[in-house]
């Protein structure tokens, strides 16, 4: 969801309420692209190809290890 707020922009997603859901590639892409839009007003990060986000199962990334 996006909202104009004065001269700024607000990006909100209902995804990612549990730590394990933040491993979802769809969540990560949505967060990155939404944050970029809120900060700059543009989205330059590419949208993923449809085959990278199947509709029948989640695609997960393991958290980065330090």
PDB file of N, CA and C in Angstrom:
ATOM      1  N   UNK A   1       0.855  -1.157   0.000  1.00  0.00           N
ATOM      2  CA  UNK A   1       0.000   0.000   0.000  1.00  0.00           C
ATOM      3  C   UNK A   1       0.905   1.225   0.000  1.00  0.00           C
ATOM      4  N   UNK A   2       0.538   2.219  -0.741  1.00  0.00           N
ATOM      5  CA  UNK A   2       1.280   3.467  -0.744  1.00  0.00           C
ATOM      6  C   UNK A   2       0.339   4.617  -0.413  1.00  0.00           C
ATOM      7  N   UNK A   3       0.877   5.621   0.256  1.00  0.00           N
ATOM      8  CA  UNK A   3       0.082   6.768   0.683  1.00  0.00           C
ATOM      9  C   UNK A   3       0.926   8.023   0.479  1.00  0.00           C
ATOM     10  N   UNK A   4       0.335   9.025  -0.122  1.00  0.00           N
ATOM     11  CA  UNK A   4       0.995  10.335  -0.170  1.00  0.00           C
ATOM     12  C   UNK A   4       0.780  10.993   1.192  1.00  0.00           C
ATOM     13  N   UNK A   5       1.819  11.588   1.739  1.00  0.00           N
ATOM     14  CA  UNK A   5       1.728  12.215   3.053  1.00  0.00           C
ATOM     15  C   UNK A   5       2.443  13.550   2.972  1.00  0.00           C
ATOM     16  N   UNK A   6       1.671  14.617   2.777  1.00  0.00           N
ATOM     17  CA  UNK A   6       2.287  15.928   2.593  1.00  0.00           C
ATOM     18  C   UNK A   6       3.188  15.881   1.371  1.00  0.00           C
ATOM     19  N   UNK A   7       4.465  16.224   1.558  1.00  0.00           N
ATOM     20  CA  UNK A   7       5.430  16.155   0.463  1.00  0.00           C
ATOM     21  C   UNK A   7       6.166  14.816   0.451  1.00  0.00           C
ATOM     22  N   UNK A   8       5.808  13.922   1.355  1.00  0.00           N
ATOM     23  CA  UNK A   8       6.483  12.636   1.447  1.00  0.00           C
ATOM     24  C   UNK A   8       5.630  11.493   0.921  1.00  0.00           C
ATOM     25  N   UNK A   9       6.172  10.287   1.078  1.00  0.00           N
ATOM     26  CA  UNK A   9       5.498   9.074   0.636  1.00  0.00           C
ATOM     27  C   UNK A   9       5.597   8.031   1.761  1.00  0.00           C
ATOM     28  N   UNK A  10       4.565   7.232   1.882  1.00  0.00           N
ATOM     29  CA  UNK A  10       4.546   6.154   2.870  1.00  0.00           C
ATOM     30  C   UNK A  10       4.351   4.844   2.123  1.00  0.00           C
ATOM     31  N   UNK A  11       5.167   3.854   2.459  1.00  0.00           N
ATOM     32  CA  UNK A  11       5.022   2.501   1.924  1.00  0.00           C
ATOM     33  C   UNK A  11       4.692   1.600   3.102  1.00  0.00           C
ATOM     34  N   UNK A  12       3.682   0.740   2.940  1.00  0.00           N
ATOM     35  CA  UNK A  12       3.290  -0.195   4.002  1.00  0.00           C
ATOM     36  C   UNK A  12       3.012  -1.552   3.377  1.00  0.00           C
ATOM     37  N   UNK A  13       3.471  -2.593   4.038  1.00  0.00           N
ATOM     38  CA  UNK A  13       3.133  -3.948   3.624  1.00  0.00           C
ATOM     39  C   UNK A  13       2.670  -4.733   4.843  1.00  0.00           C
ATOM     40  N   UNK A  14       1.680  -5.565   4.656  1.00  0.00           N
ATOM     41  CA  UNK A  14       1.202  -6.421   5.742  1.00  0.00           C
ATOM     42  C   UNK A  14       2.013  -7.713   5.821  1.00  0.00           C
ATOM     43  N   UNK A  15       2.919  -7.909   4.876  1.00  0.00           N
ATOM     44  CA  UNK A  15       3.764  -9.107   4.882  1.00  0.00           C
ATOM     45  C   UNK A  15       4.853  -8.970   5.945  1.00  0.00           C
ATOM     46  N   UNK A  16       5.379 -10.088   6.430  1.00  0.00           N
ATOM     47  CA  UNK A  16       6.546 -10.072   7.304  1.00  0.00           C
ATOM     48  C   UNK A  16       6.258  -9.934   8.781  1.00  0.00           C
ATOM     49  N   UNK A  17       5.097 -10.370   9.247  1.00  0.00           N
ATOM     50  CA  UNK A  17       4.772 -10.227  10.664  1.00  0.00           C
ATOM     51  C   UNK A  17       5.461 -11.255  11.559  1.00  0.00           C
ATOM     52  N   UNK A  18       5.990 -12.305  10.995  1.00  0.00           N
ATOM     53  CA  UNK A  18       6.707 -13.309  11.774  1.00  0.00           C
ATOM     54  C   UNK A  18       8.120 -13.428  11.198  1.00  0.00           C
ATOM     55  N   UNK A  19       9.101 -13.669  12.047  1.00  0.00           N
ATOM     56  CA  UNK A  19      10.492 -13.722  11.554  1.00  0.00           C
ATOM     57  C   UNK A  19      10.695 -14.670  10.374  1.00  0.00           C
ATOM     58  N   UNK A  20      10.047 -15.835  10.385  1.00  0.00           N
ATOM     59  CA  UNK A  20      10.257 -16.795   9.299  1.00  0.00           C
ATOM     60  C   UNK A  20       9.693 -16.287   7.969  1.00  0.00           C
ATOM     61  N   UNK A  21       8.667 -15.430   8.005  1.00  0.00           N
ATOM     62  CA  UNK A  21       8.117 -14.912   6.751  1.00  0.00           C
ATOM     63  C   UNK A  21       9.074 -13.935   6.077  1.00  0.00           C
ATOM     64  N   UNK A  22       9.995 -13.384   6.834  1.00  0.00           N
ATOM     65  CA  UNK A  22      10.962 -12.444   6.269  1.00  0.00           C
ATOM     66  C   UNK A  22      12.010 -13.140   5.405  1.00  0.00           C
ATOM     67  N   UNK A  23      12.022 -14.475   5.430  1.00  0.00           N
ATOM     68  CA  UNK A  23      12.909 -15.232   4.549  1.00  0.00           C
ATOM     69  C   UNK A  23      12.320 -15.380   3.145  1.00  0.00           C
ATOM     70  N   UNK A  24      11.064 -15.016   2.982  1.00  0.00           N
ATOM     71  CA  UNK A  24      10.404 -15.145   1.681  1.00  0.00           C
ATOM     72  C   UNK A  24      10.962 -14.144   0.685  1.00  0.00           C
ATOM     73  N   UNK A  25      11.306 -14.643  -0.487  1.00  0.00           N
ATOM     74  CA  UNK A  25      11.863 -13.787  -1.531  1.00  0.00           C
ATOM     75  C   UNK A  25      10.846 -12.716  -1.935  1.00  0.00           C
ATOM     76  N   UNK A  26       9.569 -13.070  -2.016  1.00  0.00           N
ATOM     77  CA  UNK A  26       8.536 -12.091  -2.357  1.00  0.00           C
ATOM     78  C   UNK A  26       8.508 -10.942  -1.370  1.00  0.00           C
ATOM     79  N   UNK A  27       8.593 -11.247  -0.079  1.00  0.00           N
ATOM     80  CA  UNK A  27       8.636 -10.206   0.953  1.00  0.00           C
ATOM     81  C   UNK A  27       9.870  -9.337   0.775  1.00  0.00           C
ATOM     82  N   UNK A  28      11.021  -9.950   0.578  1.00  0.00           N
ATOM     83  CA  UNK A  28      12.268  -9.205   0.466  1.00  0.00           C
ATOM     84  C   UNK A  28      12.247  -8.262  -0.741  1.00  0.00           C
ATOM     85  N   UNK A  29      11.742  -8.732  -1.856  1.00  0.00           N
ATOM     86  CA  UNK A  29      11.669  -7.897  -3.057  1.00  0.00           C
ATOM     87  C   UNK A  29      10.672  -6.756  -2.855  1.00  0.00           C
ATOM     88  N   UNK A  30       9.524  -7.067  -2.271  1.00  0.00           N
ATOM     89  CA  UNK A  30       8.517  -6.039  -2.010  1.00  0.00           C
ATOM     90  C   UNK A  30       9.069  -4.973  -1.077  1.00  0.00           C
ATOM     91  N   UNK A  31       9.755  -5.386  -0.024  1.00  0.00           N
ATOM     92  CA  UNK A  31      10.323  -4.440   0.933  1.00  0.00           C
ATOM     93  C   UNK A  31      11.386  -3.558   0.272  1.00  0.00           C
ATOM     94  N   UNK A  32      12.277  -4.146  -0.498  1.00  0.00           N
ATOM     95  CA  UNK A  32      13.342  -3.376  -1.142  1.00  0.00           C
ATOM     96  C   UNK A  32      12.780  -2.373  -2.144  1.00  0.00           C
ATOM     97  N   UNK A  33      11.858  -2.823  -2.989  1.00  0.00           N
ATOM     98  CA  UNK A  33      11.299  -1.930  -4.007  1.00  0.00           C
ATOM     99  C   UNK A  33      10.412  -0.849  -3.377  1.00  0.00           C
ATOM    100  N   UNK A  34       9.647  -1.216  -2.352  1.00  0.00           N
ATOM    101  CA  UNK A  34       8.802  -0.235  -1.667  1.00  0.00           C
ATOM    102  C   UNK A  34       9.613   0.806  -0.924  1.00  0.00           C
ATOM    103  N   UNK A  35      10.693   0.370  -0.298  1.00  0.00           N
ATOM    104  CA  UNK A  35      11.570   1.303   0.415  1.00  0.00           C
ATOM    105  C   UNK A  35      12.250   2.259  -0.562  1.00  0.00           C
ATOM    106  N   UNK A  36      12.694   1.730  -1.691  1.00  0.00           N
ATOM    107  CA  UNK A  36      13.319   2.582  -2.704  1.00  0.00           C
ATOM    108  C   UNK A  36      12.330   3.646  -3.193  1.00  0.00           C
ATOM    109  N   UNK A  37      11.093   3.226  -3.455  1.00  0.00           N
ATOM    110  CA  UNK A  37      10.078   4.175  -3.912  1.00  0.00           C
ATOM    111  C   UNK A  37       9.815   5.249  -2.859  1.00  0.00           C
ATOM    112  N   UNK A  38       9.676   4.841  -1.585  1.00  0.00           N
ATOM    113  CA  UNK A  38       9.393   5.806  -0.522  1.00  0.00           C
ATOM    114  C   UNK A  38      10.537   6.815  -0.376  1.00  0.00           C
ATOM    115  N   UNK A  39      11.762   6.356  -0.570  1.00  0.00           N
ATOM    116  CA  UNK A  39      12.927   7.236  -0.406  1.00  0.00           C
ATOM    117  C   UNK A  39      13.156   8.148  -1.600  1.00  0.00           C
ATOM    118  N   UNK A  40      12.867   7.669  -2.813  1.00  0.00           N
ATOM    119  CA  UNK A  40      13.260   8.421  -4.004  1.00  0.00           C
ATOM    120  C   UNK A  40      12.106   8.811  -4.916  1.00  0.00           C
ATOM    121  N   UNK A  41      10.964   8.132  -4.784  1.00  0.00           N
ATOM    122  CA  UNK A  41       9.854   8.362  -5.693  1.00  0.00           C
ATOM    123  C   UNK A  41       9.960   7.554  -6.975  1.00  0.00           C
ATOM    124  N   UNK A  42      11.012   6.757  -7.091  1.00  0.00           N
ATOM    125  CA  UNK A  42      11.228   5.924  -8.274  1.00  0.00           C
ATOM    126  C   UNK A  42      11.546   4.501  -7.831  1.00  0.00           C
ATOM    127  N   UNK A  43      11.326   3.565  -8.728  1.00  0.00           N
ATOM    128  CA  UNK A  43      11.731   2.179  -8.487  1.00  0.00           C
ATOM    129  C   UNK A  43      12.642   1.771  -9.634  1.00  0.00           C
ATOM    130  N   UNK A  44      13.920   1.563  -9.306  1.00  0.00           N
ATOM    131  CA  UNK A  44      14.887   1.138 -10.313  1.00  0.00           C
ATOM    132  C   UNK A  44      15.262  -0.324 -10.142  1.00  0.00           C
ATOM    133  N   UNK A  45      14.953  -0.902  -8.985  1.00  0.00           N
ATOM    134  CA  UNK A  45      15.240  -2.323  -8.768  1.00  0.00           C
ATOM    135  C   UNK A  45      14.340  -3.140  -9.686  1.00  0.00           C
ATOM    136  N   UNK A  46      14.897  -4.117 -10.375  1.00  0.00           N
ATOM    137  CA  UNK A  46      14.078  -4.866 -11.339  1.00  0.00           C
ATOM    138  C   UNK A  46      13.048  -5.764 -10.654  1.00  0.00           C
ATOM    139  N   UNK A  47      11.921  -5.906 -11.314  1.00  0.00           N
ATOM    140  CA  UNK A  47      10.918  -6.872 -10.856  1.00  0.00           C
ATOM    141  C   UNK A  47      11.438  -8.262 -11.184  1.00  0.00           C
ATOM    142  N   UNK A  48      11.177  -9.231 -10.315  1.00  0.00           N
ATOM    143  CA  UNK A  48      11.659 -10.588 -10.597  1.00  0.00           C
ATOM    144  C   UNK A  48      10.871 -11.238 -11.725  1.00  0.00           C
ATOM    145  N   UNK A  49      11.512 -12.130 -12.461  1.00  0.00           N
ATOM    146  CA  UNK A  49      10.760 -12.885 -13.466  1.00  0.00           C
ATOM    147  C   UNK A  49       9.726 -13.782 -12.779  1.00  0.00           C
ATOM    148  N   UNK A  50       8.612 -13.990 -13.430  1.00  0.00           N
ATOM    149  CA  UNK A  50       7.525 -14.790 -12.853  1.00  0.00           C
ATOM    150  C   UNK A  50       7.994 -16.176 -12.424  1.00  0.00           C
ATOM    151  N   UNK A  51       8.924 -16.771 -13.179  1.00  0.00           N
ATOM    152  CA  UNK A  51       9.375 -18.128 -12.832  1.00  0.00           C
ATOM    153  C   UNK A  51      10.170 -18.172 -11.519  1.00  0.00           C
ATOM    154  N   UNK A  52      10.641 -17.014 -11.037  1.00  0.00           N
ATOM    155  CA  UNK A  52      11.361 -16.966  -9.762  1.00  0.00           C
ATOM    156  C   UNK A  52      10.423 -16.926  -8.563  1.00  0.00           C
ATOM    157  N   UNK A  53       9.138 -16.655  -8.792  1.00  0.00           N
ATOM    158  CA  UNK A  53       8.158 -16.580  -7.714  1.00  0.00           C
ATOM    159  C   UNK A  53       6.931 -17.426  -8.063  1.00  0.00           C
ATOM    160  N   UNK A  54       7.051 -18.746  -7.936  1.00  0.00           N
ATOM    161  CA  UNK A  54       5.909 -19.610  -8.260  1.00  0.00           C
ATOM    162  C   UNK A  54       4.743 -19.359  -7.310  1.00  0.00           C
ATOM    163  N   UNK A  55       3.549 -19.584  -7.793  1.00  0.00           N
ATOM    164  CA  UNK A  55       2.356 -19.344  -6.978  1.00  0.00           C
ATOM    165  C   UNK A  55       1.977 -20.534  -6.108  1.00  0.00           C
ATOM    166  N   UNK A  56       2.599 -21.696  -6.339  1.00  0.00           N
ATOM    167  CA  UNK A  56       2.195 -22.893  -5.605  1.00  0.00           C
ATOM    168  C   UNK A  56       3.059 -23.210  -4.387  1.00  0.00           C
ATOM    169  N   UNK A  57       4.151 -22.473  -4.186  1.00  0.00           N
ATOM    170  CA  UNK A  57       4.963 -22.669  -2.987  1.00  0.00           C
ATOM    171  C   UNK A  57       5.859 -21.454  -2.760  1.00  0.00           C
ATOM    172  N   UNK A  58       6.198 -21.175  -1.490  1.00  0.00           N
ATOM    173  CA  UNK A  58       7.054 -20.018  -1.209  1.00  0.00           C
ATOM    174  C   UNK A  58       8.509 -20.300  -1.594  1.00  0.00           C
ATOM    175  N   UNK A  59       9.192 -19.262  -1.981  1.00  0.00           N
ATOM    176  CA  UNK A  59      10.627 -19.339  -2.251  1.00  0.00           C
ATOM    177  C   UNK A  59      11.305 -18.621  -1.097  1.00  0.00           C
ATOM    178  N   UNK A  60      12.182 -19.339  -0.393  1.00  0.00           N
ATOM    179  CA  UNK A  60      12.815 -18.790   0.804  1.00  0.00           C
ATOM    180  C   UNK A  60      14.308 -18.621   0.604  1.00  0.00           C
ATOM    181  N   UNK A  61      14.878 -17.638   1.303  1.00  0.00           N
ATOM    182  CA  UNK A  61      16.327 -17.450   1.384  1.00  0.00           C
ATOM    183  C   UNK A  61      16.708 -17.594   2.840  1.00  0.00           C
ATOM    184  N   UNK A  62      17.775 -18.284   3.076  1.00  0.00           N
ATOM    185  CA  UNK A  62      18.292 -18.400   4.434  1.00  0.00           C
ATOM    186  C   UNK A  62      18.852 -17.042   4.867  1.00  0.00           C
ATOM    187  N   UNK A  63      18.736 -16.699   6.160  1.00  0.00           N
ATOM    188  CA  UNK A  63      19.324 -15.448   6.641  1.00  0.00           C
ATOM    189  C   UNK A  63      20.837 -15.455   6.452  1.00  0.00           C
ATOM    190  N   UNK A  64      21.399 -14.284   6.244  1.00  0.00           N
ATOM    191  CA  UNK A  64      22.851 -14.170   6.132  1.00  0.00           C
ATOM    192  C   UNK A  64      23.492 -14.455   7.475  1.00  0.00           C
ATOM    193  N   UNK A  65      24.579 -15.188   7.468  1.00  0.00           N
ATOM    194  CA  UNK A  65      25.323 -15.501   8.699  1.00  0.00           C
ATOM    195  C   UNK A  65      26.456 -14.503   8.836  1.00  0.00           C
ATOM    196  N   UNK A  66      26.742 -14.127  10.065  1.00  0.00           N
ATOM    197  CA  UNK A  66      27.871 -13.213  10.313  1.00  0.00           C
ATOM    198  C   UNK A  66      29.154 -13.987  10.372  1.00  0.00           C
TER     199      UNK A  66
END
